[in-house]
C-alpha atoms as a PDB file:
ATOM      1  CA  MET A   1      24.464 -32.184  14.333  1.00  0.00           C
ATOM      2  CA  SER A   2      22.262 -32.740  11.270  1.00  0.00           C
ATOM      3  CA  VAL A   3      20.950 -35.702   9.279  1.00  0.00           C
ATOM      4  CA  ARG A   4      21.452 -33.888   5.991  1.00  0.00           C
ATOM      5  CA  TYR A   5      23.664 -31.173   4.550  1.00  0.00           C
ATOM      6  CA  ILE A   6      22.150 -27.722   4.875  1.00  0.00           C
ATOM      7  CA  PRO A   7      23.939 -24.365   4.440  1.00  0.00           C
ATOM      8  CA  VAL A   8      23.673 -23.453   8.127  1.00  0.00           C
ATOM      9  CA  GLY A   9      21.847 -25.335  10.867  1.00  0.00           C
ATOM     10  CA  TRP A  10      20.476 -22.270  12.622  1.00  0.00           C
ATOM     11  CA  ASN A  11      19.495 -22.417  16.267  1.00  0.00           C
ATOM     12  CA  VAL A  12      19.127 -19.866  19.043  1.00  0.00           C
ATOM     13  CA  ASN A  13      22.763 -20.147  20.115  1.00  0.00           C
ATOM     14  CA  LYS A  14      24.052 -19.630  16.575  1.00  0.00           C
ATOM     15  CA  LEU A  15      21.765 -16.633  16.060  1.00  0.00           C
ATOM     16  CA  VAL A  16      22.944 -15.016  19.294  1.00  0.00           C
ATOM     17  CA  TYR A  17      26.589 -15.830  18.490  1.00  0.00           C
ATOM     18  CA  ASP A  18      26.424 -14.379  14.982  1.00  0.00           C
ATOM     19  CA  ALA A  19      24.399 -11.348  16.057  1.00  0.00           C
ATOM     20  CA  ALA A  20      26.913 -10.526  18.771  1.00  0.00           C
ATOM     21  CA  LEU A  21      29.765 -10.987  16.292  1.00  0.00           C
ATOM     22  CA  ALA A  22      28.109  -8.693  13.723  1.00  0.00           C
ATOM     23  CA  VAL A  23      27.440  -6.002  16.336  1.00  0.00           C
ATOM     24  CA  ALA A  24      31.054  -6.184  17.552  1.00  0.00           C
ATOM     25  CA  VAL A  25      32.444  -5.834  14.001  1.00  0.00           C
ATOM     26  CA  VAL A  26      30.191  -2.877  13.162  1.00  0.00           C
ATOM     27  CA  ALA A  27      31.012  -1.210  16.481  1.00  0.00           C
ATOM     28  CA  TYR A  28      34.763  -1.655  15.945  1.00  0.00           C
ATOM     29  CA  LEU A  29      34.626  -0.188  12.441  1.00  0.00           C
ATOM     30  CA  ALA A  30      32.431   2.725  13.523  1.00  0.00           C
ATOM     31  CA  ILE A  31      34.669   3.601  16.466  1.00  0.00           C
ATOM     32  CA  PHE A  32      37.855   3.265  14.391  1.00  0.00           C
ATOM     33  CA  LEU A  33      36.536   5.487  11.595  1.00  0.00           C
ATOM     34  CA  HIS A  34      35.187   8.093  14.000  1.00  0.00           C
ATOM     35  CA  VAL A  35      38.365   8.333  16.091  1.00  0.00           C
ATOM     36  CA  ALA A  36      40.678   8.346  13.052  1.00  0.00           C
ATOM     37  CA  GLN A  37      38.700  11.023  11.223  1.00  0.00           C
ATOM     38  CA  GLN A  38      38.229  13.240  14.284  1.00  0.00           C
ATOM     39  CA  SER A  39      41.824  13.146  15.513  1.00  0.00           C
ATOM     40  CA  PRO A  40      43.412  16.462  14.479  1.00  0.00           C
ATOM     41  CA  PRO A  41      45.219  16.466  12.208  1.00  0.00           C
ATOM     42  CA  ALA A  42      44.062  13.324  10.414  1.00  0.00           C
ATOM     43  CA  PRO A  43      47.292  11.535   9.391  1.00  0.00           C
ATOM     44  CA  TYR A  44      45.721   9.675   6.478  1.00  0.00           C
ATOM     45  CA  ASP A  45      43.129  10.242   3.780  1.00  0.00           C
ATOM     46  CA  ASP A  46      39.670   8.715   4.121  1.00  0.00           C
ATOM     47  CA  ALA A  47      40.435   5.813   1.779  1.00  0.00           C
ATOM     48  CA  THR A  48      43.496   4.787   3.787  1.00  0.00           C
ATOM     49  CA  ILE A  49      41.554   5.088   7.036  1.00  0.00           C
ATOM     50  CA  ARG A  50      38.887   2.728   5.676  1.00  0.00           C
ATOM     51  CA  MET A  51      41.564   0.254   4.561  1.00  0.00           C
ATOM     52  CA  ARG A  52      43.159   0.291   7.991  1.00  0.00           C
ATOM     53  CA  ALA A  53      39.816  -0.009   9.727  1.00  0.00           C
ATOM     54  CA  TYR A  54      38.931  -3.220   7.880  1.00  0.00           C
ATOM     55  CA  GLY A  55      42.501  -4.531   7.911  1.00  0.00           C
ATOM     56  CA  SER A  56      42.994  -4.043  11.643  1.00  0.00           C
ATOM     57  CA  CYS A  57      39.531  -5.476  12.332  1.00  0.00           C
ATOM     58  CA  ALA A  58      40.373  -8.623  10.361  1.00  0.00           C
ATOM     59  CA  PHE A  59      43.673  -8.969  12.225  1.00  0.00           C
ATOM     60  CA  VAL A  60      42.018  -8.656  15.637  1.00  0.00           C
ATOM     61  CA  MET A  61      39.311 -11.136  14.581  1.00  0.00           C
ATOM     62  CA  LEU A  62      41.882 -13.667  13.373  1.00  0.00           C
ATOM     63  CA  SER A  63      43.782 -13.262  16.654  1.00  0.00           C
ATOM     64  CA  LEU A  64      40.584 -13.945  18.596  1.00  0.00           C
ATOM     65  CA  VAL A  65      39.831 -17.010  16.449  1.00  0.00           C
ATOM     66  CA  LEU A  66      43.227 -18.436  17.383  1.00  0.00           C
ATOM     67  CA  CYS A  67      42.695 -17.597  21.069  1.00  0.00           C
ATOM     68  CA  ILE A  68      39.381 -19.441  21.402  1.00  0.00           C
ATOM     69  CA  GLY A  69      40.890 -22.950  21.200  1.00  0.00           C
ATOM     70  CA  PRO A  70      43.495 -22.566  23.963  1.00  0.00           C
ATOM     71  CA  LEU A  71      41.082 -20.566  26.129  1.00  0.00           C
ATOM     72  CA  ALA A  72      38.542 -23.398  25.956  1.00  0.00           C
ATOM     73  CA  ARG A  73      41.310 -25.850  26.816  1.00  0.00           C
ATOM     74  CA  LEU A  74      42.343 -23.784  29.823  1.00  0.00           C
ATOM     75  CA  ASP A  75      38.828 -23.067  31.104  1.00  0.00           C
ATOM     76  CA  SER A  76      35.603 -24.811  30.066  1.00  0.00           C
ATOM     77  CA  GLN A  77      33.676 -21.554  30.500  1.00  0.00           C
ATOM     78  CA  PHE A  78      35.000 -20.520  27.081  1.00  0.00           C
ATOM     79  CA  LEU A  79      33.573 -23.594  25.337  1.00  0.00           C
ATOM     80  CA  PRO A  80      30.437 -21.735  24.090  1.00  0.00           C
ATOM     81  CA  LEU A  81      32.774 -19.550  22.013  1.00  0.00           C
ATOM     82  CA  LEU A  82      34.230 -22.686  20.447  1.00  0.00           C
ATOM     83  CA  TYR A  83      30.948 -24.212  19.261  1.00  0.00           C
ATOM     84  CA  ASN A  84      30.487 -21.813  16.328  1.00  0.00           C
ATOM     85  CA  ARG A  85      34.085 -20.800  15.713  1.00  0.00           C
ATOM     86  CA  ARG A  86      33.712 -21.577  12.018  1.00  0.00           C
ATOM     87  CA  HIS A  87      31.202 -18.733  11.741  1.00  0.00           C
ATOM     88  CA  PHE A  88      33.843 -16.467  13.266  1.00  0.00           C
ATOM     89  CA  GLY A  89      36.367 -17.657  10.685  1.00  0.00           C
ATOM     90  CA  VAL A  90      34.053 -17.013   7.738  1.00  0.00           C
ATOM     91  CA  ALA A  91      33.280 -13.521   9.065  1.00  0.00           C
ATOM     92  CA  THR A  92      37.017 -12.869   9.385  1.00  0.00           C
ATOM     93  CA  PHE A  93      37.521 -13.727   5.707  1.00  0.00           C
ATOM     94  CA  VAL A  94      34.680 -11.395   4.683  1.00  0.00           C
ATOM     95  CA  VAL A  95      36.224  -8.476   6.595  1.00  0.00           C
ATOM     96  CA  ALA A  96      39.704  -9.269   5.225  1.00  0.00           C
ATOM     97  CA  ALA A  97      38.332  -9.463   1.659  1.00  0.00           C
ATOM     98  CA  THR A  98      36.671  -6.066   2.141  1.00  0.00           C
ATOM     99  CA  HIS A  99      40.040  -4.651   3.208  1.00  0.00           C
ATOM    100  CA  ALA A 100      41.625  -6.118   0.063  1.00  0.00           C
ATOM    101  CA  SER A 101      38.908  -4.660  -2.166  1.00  0.00           C
ATOM    102  CA  PHE A 102      39.580  -1.153  -0.787  1.00  0.00           C
ATOM    103  CA  VAL A 103      43.306  -1.622  -1.428  1.00  0.00           C
ATOM    104  CA  LEU A 104      42.747  -2.707  -5.022  1.00  0.00           C
ATOM    105  CA  GLY A 105      40.253   0.062  -5.684  1.00  0.00           C
ATOM    106  CA  TRP A 106      42.450   2.832  -4.296  1.00  0.00           C
ATOM    107  CA  TYR A 107      46.016   1.881  -5.184  1.00  0.00           C
ATOM    108  CA  PHE A 108      45.533  -0.077  -8.397  1.00  0.00           C
ATOM    109  CA  GLY A 109      42.112   0.937  -9.717  1.00  0.00           C
ATOM    110  CA  PHE A 110      43.288   3.882 -11.825  1.00  0.00           C
ATOM    111  CA  SER A 111      46.020   2.094 -13.753  1.00  0.00           C
ATOM    112  CA  SER A 112      45.746   0.745 -17.276  1.00  0.00           C
ATOM    113  CA  THR A 113      47.272  -2.490 -15.925  1.00  0.00           C
ATOM    114  CA  ASP A 114      44.924  -5.088 -14.510  1.00  0.00           C
ATOM    115  CA  PRO A 115      44.659  -4.415 -10.726  1.00  0.00           C
ATOM    116  CA  TYR A 116      45.553  -7.997  -9.821  1.00  0.00           C
ATOM    117  CA  VAL A 117      48.594  -7.981 -12.112  1.00  0.00           C
ATOM    118  CA  ALA A 118      49.681  -4.605 -10.759  1.00  0.00           C
ATOM    119  CA  LEU A 119      49.299  -5.848  -7.164  1.00  0.00           C
ATOM    120  CA  LEU A 120      51.676  -8.743  -7.793  1.00  0.00           C
ATOM    121  CA  THR A 121      54.227  -6.974 -10.017  1.00  0.00           C
ATOM    122  CA  SER A 122      54.440  -3.326  -8.937  1.00  0.00           C
ATOM    123  CA  ASN A 123      56.752  -3.993  -5.973  1.00  0.00           C
ATOM    124  CA  THR A 124      59.796  -6.192  -6.609  1.00  0.00           C
ATOM    125  CA  SER A 125      62.180  -4.979  -3.893  1.00  0.00           C
ATOM    126  CA  PHE A 126      63.014  -8.447  -2.618  1.00  0.00           C
ATOM    127  CA  GLY A 127      66.576  -7.503  -1.679  1.00  0.00           C
ATOM    128  CA  ARG A 128      65.782  -5.230   1.264  1.00  0.00           C
ATOM    129  CA  ILE A 129      63.518  -5.217   4.310  1.00  0.00           C
ATOM    130  CA  ALA A 130      62.301  -1.636   3.906  1.00  0.00           C
ATOM    131  CA  GLY A 131      60.110  -1.817   0.822  1.00  0.00           C
ATOM    132  CA  PHE A 132      59.926  -5.627   0.704  1.00  0.00           C
ATOM    133  CA  PRO A 133      56.816  -6.712  -1.249  1.00  0.00           C
ATOM    134  CA  PHE A 134      54.622  -7.120   1.827  1.00  0.00           C
ATOM    135  CA  GLU A 135      51.606  -7.358  -0.456  1.00  0.00           C
ATOM    136  CA  LEU A 136      52.485 -10.969  -1.243  1.00  0.00           C
ATOM    137  CA  PHE A 137      52.066 -11.950   2.419  1.00  0.00           C
ATOM    138  CA  GLY A 138      48.628 -10.359   2.442  1.00  0.00           C
ATOM    139  CA  VAL A 139      47.613 -12.203  -0.721  1.00  0.00           C
ATOM    140  CA  ALA A 140      48.832 -15.516   0.703  1.00  0.00           C
ATOM    141  CA  ALA A 141      46.911 -14.982   3.934  1.00  0.00           C
ATOM    142  CA  LEU A 142      43.735 -14.043   2.074  1.00  0.00           C
ATOM    143  CA  ILE A 143      43.965 -17.173  -0.101  1.00  0.00           C
ATOM    144  CA  VAL A 144      44.276 -19.377   2.988  1.00  0.00           C
ATOM    145  CA  LEU A 145      41.356 -17.636   4.696  1.00  0.00           C
ATOM    146  CA  PHE A 146      39.274 -18.106   1.563  1.00  0.00           C
ATOM    147  CA  LEU A 147      40.061 -21.824   1.433  1.00  0.00           C
ATOM    148  CA  LEU A 148      39.150 -22.212   5.098  1.00  0.00           C
ATOM    149  CA  ALA A 149      35.893 -20.300   4.676  1.00  0.00           C
ATOM    150  CA  ALA A 150      34.994 -22.181   1.484  1.00  0.00           C
ATOM    151  CA  THR A 151      35.597 -25.598   3.093  1.00  0.00           C
ATOM    152  CA  SER A 152      34.057 -24.817   6.474  1.00  0.00           C
ATOM    153  CA  HIS A 153      30.829 -26.721   5.727  1.00  0.00           C
ATOM    154  CA  ASP A 154      30.431 -30.303   6.908  1.00  0.00           C
ATOM    155  CA  PHE A 155      30.173 -31.488   3.295  1.00  0.00           C
ATOM    156  CA  TRP A 156      33.877 -30.756   2.856  1.00  0.00           C
ATOM    157  CA  LEU A 157      34.678 -32.356   6.180  1.00  0.00           C
ATOM    158  CA  SER A 158      33.074 -35.590   4.952  1.00  0.00           C
ATOM    159  CA  PHE A 159      34.433 -35.309   1.397  1.00  0.00           C
ATOM    160  CA  LEU A 160      38.037 -34.571   2.373  1.00  0.00           C
ATOM    161  CA  THR A 161      37.994 -36.885   5.455  1.00  0.00           C
ATOM    162  CA  PRO A 162      38.502 -35.459   8.976  1.00  0.00           C
ATOM    163  CA  PRO A 163      42.339 -35.836   9.061  1.00  0.00           C
ATOM    164  CA  LEU A 164      42.848 -34.025   5.736  1.00  0.00           C
ATOM    165  CA  TRP A 165      40.236 -31.398   6.579  1.00  0.00           C
ATOM    166  CA  LYS A 166      41.866 -30.700   9.921  1.00  0.00           C
ATOM    167  CA  ALA A 167      45.334 -30.537   8.341  1.00  0.00           C
ATOM    168  CA  LEU A 168      44.010 -28.009   5.829  1.00  0.00           C
ATOM    169  CA  HIS A 169      42.507 -25.867   8.559  1.00  0.00           C
ATOM    170  CA  MET A 170      45.746 -25.903  10.537  1.00  0.00           C
ATOM    171  CA  ALA A 171      47.010 -23.627   7.742  1.00  0.00           C
ATOM    172  CA  VAL A 172      45.309 -20.805   9.663  1.00  0.00           C
ATOM    173  CA  TYR A 173      48.546 -20.511  11.667  1.00  0.00           C
ATOM    174  CA  GLY A 174      50.463 -19.950   8.446  1.00  0.00           C
ATOM    175  CA  ALA A 175      47.903 -17.327   7.460  1.00  0.00           C
ATOM    176  CA  TYR A 176      48.388 -15.592  10.806  1.00  0.00           C
ATOM    177  CA  ALA A 177      52.164 -15.522  10.335  1.00  0.00           C
ATOM    178  CA  CYS A 178      51.644 -14.030   6.860  1.00  0.00           C
ATOM    179  CA  VAL A 179      49.323 -11.352   8.248  1.00  0.00           C
ATOM    180  CA  VAL A 180      51.880 -10.380  10.912  1.00  0.00           C
ATOM    181  CA  ALA A 181      54.580 -10.161   8.215  1.00  0.00           C
ATOM    182  CA  HIS A 182      52.211  -8.221   5.930  1.00  0.00           C
ATOM    183  CA  VAL A 183      51.563  -5.582   8.602  1.00  0.00           C
ATOM    184  CA  ALA A 184      55.120  -5.479   9.972  1.00  0.00           C
ATOM    185  CA  LEU A 185      56.686  -4.933   6.542  1.00  0.00           C
ATOM    186  CA  GLY A 186      53.911  -2.644   5.352  1.00  0.00           C
ATOM    187  CA  ALA A 187      51.974  -0.335   7.628  1.00  0.00           C
ATOM    188  CA  LEU A 188      54.456  -0.542  10.502  1.00  0.00           C
ATOM    189  CA  MET A 189      57.406   0.609   8.360  1.00  0.00           C
ATOM    190  CA  ALA A 190      56.273   4.242   8.763  1.00  0.00           C
ATOM    191  CA  PRO A 191      58.872   6.408  10.557  1.00  0.00           C
ATOM    192  CA  ALA A 192      56.605   7.312  13.492  1.00  0.00           C
ATOM    193  CA  LEU A 193      55.439   4.707  16.021  1.00  0.00           C
ATOM    194  CA  GLN A 194      51.735   3.991  15.527  1.00  0.00           C
ATOM    195  CA  PRO A 195      49.013   2.532  17.769  1.00  0.00           C
ATOM    196  CA  LEU A 196      48.727  -0.307  15.246  1.00  0.00           C
ATOM    197  CA  ALA A 197      52.177  -1.498  16.320  1.00  0.00           C
ATOM    198  CA  TYR A 198      50.935  -2.063  19.873  1.00  0.00           C
ATOM    199  CA  VAL A 199      47.888  -3.930  18.558  1.00  0.00           C
ATOM    200  CA  VAL A 200      49.958  -6.266  16.363  1.00  0.00           C
ATOM    201  CA  VAL A 201      52.598  -7.029  18.984  1.00  0.00           C
ATOM    202  CA  GLY A 202      50.017  -7.366  21.776  1.00  0.00           C
ATOM    203  CA  CYS A 203      47.760  -9.716  19.812  1.00  0.00           C
ATOM    204  CA  ALA A 204      50.659 -11.889  18.652  1.00  0.00           C
ATOM    205  CA  LEU A 205      51.993 -12.189  22.210  1.00  0.00           C
ATOM    206  CA  VAL A 206      48.567 -13.087  23.610  1.00  0.00           C
ATOM    207  CA  VAL A 207      48.042 -15.769  20.940  1.00  0.00           C
ATOM    208  CA  ALA A 208      51.482 -17.277  21.554  1.00  0.00           C
ATOM    209  CA  THR A 209      51.156 -17.162  25.352  1.00  0.00           C
ATOM    210  CA  LEU A 210      47.750 -18.839  25.407  1.00  0.00           C
ATOM    211  CA  HIS A 211      48.963 -21.637  23.152  1.00  0.00           C
ATOM    212  CA  VAL A 212      52.008 -22.241  25.355  1.00  0.00           C
ATOM    213  CA  LEU A 213      49.841 -22.377  28.493  1.00  0.00           C
ATOM    214  CA  ALA A 214      47.345 -24.732  26.840  1.00  0.00           C
ATOM    215  CA  ALA A 215      50.168 -26.966  25.585  1.00  0.00           C
ATOM    216  CA  ARG A 216      51.659 -27.174  29.089  1.00  0.00           C
ATOM    217  CA  LYS A 217      48.292 -28.130  30.545  1.00  0.00           C
ATOM    218  CA  GLN A 218      47.737 -30.770  27.865  1.00  0.00           C
ATOM    219  CA  ALA A 219      51.228 -32.180  28.373  1.00  0.00           C
ATOM    220  CA  ALA A 220      50.437 -32.676  32.058  1.00  0.00           C
ATOM    221  CA  LEU A 221      47.186 -34.453  31.165  1.00  0.00           C
ATOM    222  CA  ASP A 222      48.966 -36.691  28.647  1.00  0.00           C
ATOM    223  CA  ARG A 223      51.364 -38.178  31.152  1.00  0.00           C
ATOM    224  CA  PRO A 224      51.048 -41.978  31.104  1.00  0.00           C
ATOM    225  CA  SER A 225      48.840 -43.474  33.800  1.00  0.00           C
ATOM    226  CA  PRO A 226      50.187 -46.320  35.977  1.00  0.00           C
ATOM    227  CA  GLU A 227      49.467 -49.859  34.789  1.00  0.00           C
ATOM    228  CA  GLU A 228      48.760 -53.066  36.669  1.00  0.00           C
ATOM    229  CA  GLY A 229      48.823 -56.306  34.720  1.00  0.00           C
ATOM    230  CA  GLY A 230      48.209 -54.559  31.412  1.00  0.00           C
ATOM    231  CA  TRP A 231      45.242 -52.567  32.768  1.00  0.00           C
ATOM    232  CA  ILE A 232      45.527 -48.799  33.234  1.00  0.00           C
ATOM    233  CA  VAL A 233      44.651 -47.428  36.651  1.00  0.00           C
ATOM    234  CA  VAL A 234      42.074 -44.647  36.287  1.00  0.00           C
ATOM    235  CA  GLY A 235      41.690 -44.081  40.018  1.00  0.00           C
ATOM    236  CA  PRO A 236      38.944 -44.302  42.637  1.00  0.00           C
ATOM    237  CA  PRO A 237      35.349 -43.697  41.503  1.00  0.00           C
ATOM    238  CA  GLU A 238      35.218 -40.375  43.344  1.00  0.00           C
ATOM    239  CA  ARG A 239      37.789 -39.013  40.926  1.00  0.00           C
ATOM    240  CA  ILE A 240      35.039 -38.810  38.295  1.00  0.00           C
ATOM    241  CA  ALA A 241      32.293 -36.248  38.895  1.00  0.00           C
ATOM    242  CA  GLU A 242      28.721 -37.239  38.045  1.00  0.00           C
ATOM    243  CA  GLY A 243      27.921 -36.367  34.449  1.00  0.00           C
ATOM    244  CA  ARG A 244      31.540 -35.624  33.595  1.00  0.00           C
ATOM    245  CA  ALA A 245      34.662 -37.511  32.521  1.00  0.00           C
ATOM    246  CA  VAL A 246      38.361 -37.930  33.126  1.00  0.00           C
ATOM    247  CA  VAL A 247      40.607 -38.375  30.096  1.00  0.00           C
ATOM    248  CA  VAL A 248      43.089 -41.244  30.198  1.00  0.00           C
ATOM    249  CA  PRO A 249      46.024 -41.052  27.735  1.00  0.00           C
ATOM    250  CA  LEU A 250      47.074 -44.165  25.843  1.00  0.00           C
ATOM    251  CA  ALA A 251      50.135 -45.020  23.816  1.00  0.00           C
ATOM    252  CA  GLY A 252      50.221 -43.619  20.308  1.00  0.00           C
ATOM    253  CA  ALA A 253      48.633 -40.241  21.137  1.00  0.00           C
ATOM    254  CA  GLU A 254      45.219 -41.837  21.649  1.00  0.00           C
ATOM    255  CA  SER A 255      43.084 -41.168  24.715  1.00  0.00           C
ATOM    256  CA  VAL A 256      39.936 -42.491  26.381  1.00  0.00           C
ATOM    257  CA  ALA A 257      37.123 -40.564  28.054  1.00  0.00           C
ATOM    258  CA  VAL A 258      35.841 -42.304  31.191  1.00  0.00           C
ATOM    259  CA  PHE A 259      32.387 -40.952  32.068  1.00  0.00           C
ATOM    260  CA  ARG A 260      30.254 -41.347  35.177  1.00  0.00           C
ATOM    261  CA  ASN A 261      26.497 -41.275  34.652  1.00  0.00           C
ATOM    262  CA  ALA A 262      23.732 -42.282  37.083  1.00  0.00           C
ATOM    263  CA  GLY A 263      26.145 -44.199  39.297  1.00  0.00           C
ATOM    264  CA  LYS A 264      27.735 -46.143  36.440  1.00  0.00           C
ATOM    265  CA  VAL A 265      31.051 -45.636  34.660  1.00  0.00           C
ATOM    266  CA  SER A 266      31.694 -46.166  30.942  1.00  0.00           C
ATOM    267  CA  ALA A 267      34.687 -45.591  28.686  1.00  0.00           C
ATOM    268  CA  ILE A 268      34.636 -44.421  25.068  1.00  0.00           C
ATOM    269  CA  ALA A 269      37.180 -43.046  22.614  1.00  0.00           C
ATOM    270  CA  ASN A 270      37.941 -39.421  23.369  1.00  0.00           C
ATOM    271  CA  ALA A 271      37.923 -38.311  19.702  1.00  0.00           C
ATOM    272  CA  CYS A 272      34.571 -37.442  18.137  1.00  0.00           C
ATOM    273  CA  ALA A 273      33.951 -39.125  14.771  1.00  0.00           C
ATOM    274  CA  HIS A 274      32.868 -35.784  13.317  1.00  0.00           C
ATOM    275  CA  GLN A 275      35.967 -33.632  13.690  1.00  0.00           C
ATOM    276  CA  ASN A 276      38.042 -35.341  16.384  1.00  0.00           C
ATOM    277  CA  GLY A 277      36.551 -33.075  19.035  1.00  0.00           C
ATOM    278  CA  PRO A 278      37.478 -33.847  22.681  1.00  0.00           C
ATOM    279  CA  LEU A 279      34.494 -35.833  23.960  1.00  0.00           C
ATOM    280  CA  GLY A 280      35.999 -35.922  27.447  1.00  0.00           C
ATOM    281  CA  GLU A 281      35.410 -32.174  27.687  1.00  0.00           C
ATOM    282  CA  GLY A 282      31.740 -32.609  26.835  1.00  0.00           C
ATOM    283  CA  ARG A 283      28.798 -33.362  29.072  1.00  0.00           C
ATOM    284  CA  ILE A 284      25.962 -35.849  29.183  1.00  0.00           C
ATOM    285  CA  ILE A 285      22.663 -34.676  27.728  1.00  0.00           C
ATOM    286  CA  ASP A 286      19.659 -37.001  27.498  1.00  0.00           C
ATOM    287  CA  GLY A 287      21.879 -39.923  28.441  1.00  0.00           C
ATOM    288  CA  CYS A 288      24.357 -39.288  25.619  1.00  0.00           C
ATOM    289  CA  VAL A 289      27.840 -37.808  25.638  1.00  0.00           C
ATOM    290  CA  THR A 290      27.644 -34.515  23.746  1.00  0.00           C
ATOM    291  CA  CYS A 291      30.741 -33.260  21.941  1.00  0.00           C
ATOM    292  CA  PRO A 292      31.643 -29.727  23.076  1.00  0.00           C
ATOM    293  CA  TRP A 293      32.571 -28.642  19.567  1.00  0.00           C
ATOM    294  CA  HIS A 294      29.504 -29.278  17.417  1.00  0.00           C
ATOM    295  CA  GLY A 295      27.019 -31.235  19.539  1.00  0.00           C
ATOM    296  CA  PHE A 296      27.485 -34.733  18.077  1.00  0.00           C
ATOM    297  CA  GLN A 297      26.193 -37.320  20.551  1.00  0.00           C
ATOM    298  CA  TYR A 298      27.081 -40.928  21.462  1.00  0.00           C
ATOM    299  CA  ARG A 299      25.578 -43.487  23.799  1.00  0.00           C
ATOM    300  CA  LEU A 300      27.951 -44.452  26.583  1.00  0.00           C
ATOM    301  CA  GLU A 301      27.294 -48.181  26.531  1.00  0.00           C
ATOM    302  CA  ASP A 302      27.992 -48.811  22.818  1.00  0.00           C
ATOM    303  CA  GLY A 303      29.539 -45.629  21.371  1.00  0.00           C
ATOM    304  CA  CYS A 304      26.746 -45.271  18.800  1.00  0.00           C
ATOM    305  CA  ALA A 305      25.103 -42.000  17.872  1.00  0.00           C
ATOM    306  CA  PRO A 306      21.337 -42.062  18.488  1.00  0.00           C
ATOM    307  CA  ALA A 307      19.118 -42.686  15.462  1.00  0.00           C
ATOM    308  CA  PRO A 308      18.870 -41.453  12.758  1.00  0.00           C
ATOM    309  CA  PHE A 309      22.607 -40.719  13.012  1.00  0.00           C
ATOM    310  CA  THR A 310      25.115 -43.410  12.136  1.00  0.00           C
ATOM    311  CA  GLU A 311      28.442 -42.326  13.668  1.00  0.00           C
ATOM    312  CA  LYS A 312      30.208 -44.884  15.886  1.00  0.00           C
ATOM    313  CA  ILE A 313      33.243 -44.729  18.157  1.00  0.00           C
ATOM    314  CA  ALA A 314      35.179 -47.378  20.067  1.00  0.00           C
ATOM    315  CA  THR A 315      34.256 -48.445  23.582  1.00  0.00           C
ATOM    316  CA  TYR A 316      36.566 -49.801  26.292  1.00  0.00           C
ATOM    317  CA  ASN A 317      36.151 -52.333  29.072  1.00  0.00           C
ATOM    318  CA  LEU A 318      36.435 -51.320  32.717  1.00  0.00           C
ATOM    319  CA  ARG A 319      36.769 -53.157  36.007  1.00  0.00           C
ATOM    320  CA  LEU A 320      36.767 -52.216  39.685  1.00  0.00           C
ATOM    321  CA  ARG A 321      39.652 -53.711  41.654  1.00  0.00           C
ATOM    322  CA  ALA A 322      40.907 -52.790  45.117  1.00  0.00           C
ATOM    323  CA  GLY A 323      38.655 -49.751  45.163  1.00  0.00           C
ATOM    324  CA  LYS A 324      40.073 -48.360  41.902  1.00  0.00           C
ATOM    325  CA  ILE A 325      38.687 -48.246  38.365  1.00  0.00           C
ATOM    326  CA  GLU A 326      40.939 -49.904  35.807  1.00  0.00           C
ATOM    327  CA  LEU A 327      40.806 -49.591  32.025  1.00  0.00           C
ATOM    328  CA  ASP A 328      41.642 -52.209  29.413  1.00  0.00           C
ATOM    329  CA  PRO A 329      43.612 -50.202  26.804  1.00  0.00           C
ATOM    330  CA  ARG A 330      42.506 -52.529  23.987  1.00  0.00           C
ATOM    331  CA  PRO A 331      39.528 -50.903  22.227  1.00  0.00           C
ATOM    332  CA  ASN A 332      36.360 -52.743  21.316  1.00  0.00           C
ATOM    333  CA  PRO A 333      35.164 -52.356  17.731  1.00  0.00           C
ATOM    334  CA  PRO A 334      33.255 -49.094  17.136  1.00  0.00           C
ATOM    335  CA  GLY A 335      29.626 -49.571  18.150  1.00  0.00           C
ATOM    336  CA  CYS A 336      30.348 -52.625  20.308  1.00  0.00           C
ATOM    337  CA  ARG A 337      28.559 -52.673  23.669  1.00  0.00           C
ATOM    338  CA  ALA A 338      30.704 -52.562  26.820  1.00  0.00           C
ATOM    339  CA  GLU A 339      28.805 -53.188  30.038  1.00  0.00           C
ATOM    340  CA  PRO A 340      28.889 -50.057  32.265  1.00  0.00           C
ATOM    341  CA  LEU A 341      30.688 -50.456  35.586  1.00  0.00           C
ATOM    342  CA  ASP A 342      28.347 -50.040  38.550  1.00  0.00           C
ATOM    343  CA  VAL A 343      29.883 -47.780  41.208  1.00  0.00           C
ATOM    344  CA  LYS A 344      26.680 -46.795  43.005  1.00  0.00           C
ATOM    345  CA  GLY A 345      27.373 -45.739  46.548  1.00  0.00           C
ATOM    346  CA  ALA A 346      30.839 -44.455  45.746  1.00  0.00           C
ATOM    347  CA  PRO A 347      31.478 -40.746  46.534  1.00  0.00           C
ATOM    348  CA  THR A 348      30.948 -38.219  43.733  1.00  0.00           C
END
């Protein structure tokens, strides 16, 4: 969270995250190159080994990027990986671009034709699977990854608006499909079965499985809550742990985060004003709800970000009736104070 646009808001967590990511990438490349070059007999020349090292690294990184979201949804212990996922995405593009540069330099660098023209025109076997121009899938994926990396800064989030920005970044799934097609129709078309085939199939299955599991969990959470006289029954106070929230689904795909803090309960919109992050999965720090994605904060009683920030979200009214907390599904205007519900003495 920052009051002005800066290239990267470095902090200790980001430094540790990026350092660990850099070490992991270097280690992967070093191990891949060493094993491939030492395995007798080496099946490929050094240039091809380098291409495959960077290409496979980028594929594994992109698979991990797509796994972080559902993992964090399934278990909050993975949330620290989510906070700086954009750094992971930018690093993935850099590795993928390095792979592409090796391809251009080796396969198209010695022709009198421009390398980029040769890349797009040298293979036109569209009528068959074996020999299909798999290069086009790689180019498409790289373009998407570039767009995501180039628009990862908060300036673009504000300029494009959160809905459009998020829609753009959902194209990462299209990029992943293109990468799978690029590898399947390219490197995996060799006659002999290769270890890369296991990596591609394994990663794709893990990504798909985690998303299915996360979707099933979210579907269970999104089941409508019972209503009484137009108010939604949240449940007894003990359902909400101190410092945490329960998420109550509303009609129209909206949801409300009902937090308990210092013996009082408050309800705010579940979507962060920054990037629609799930506030209900966050925690209370210094009396403010802190978004688990990027650390944006909001006061519980009025939904306002603390000064000098200006973000506001809607609040909701609560009442305690027959030992149960009930929620008025009609939102108050963003920034409007809603008196916290005192449940002191109730179990936690």
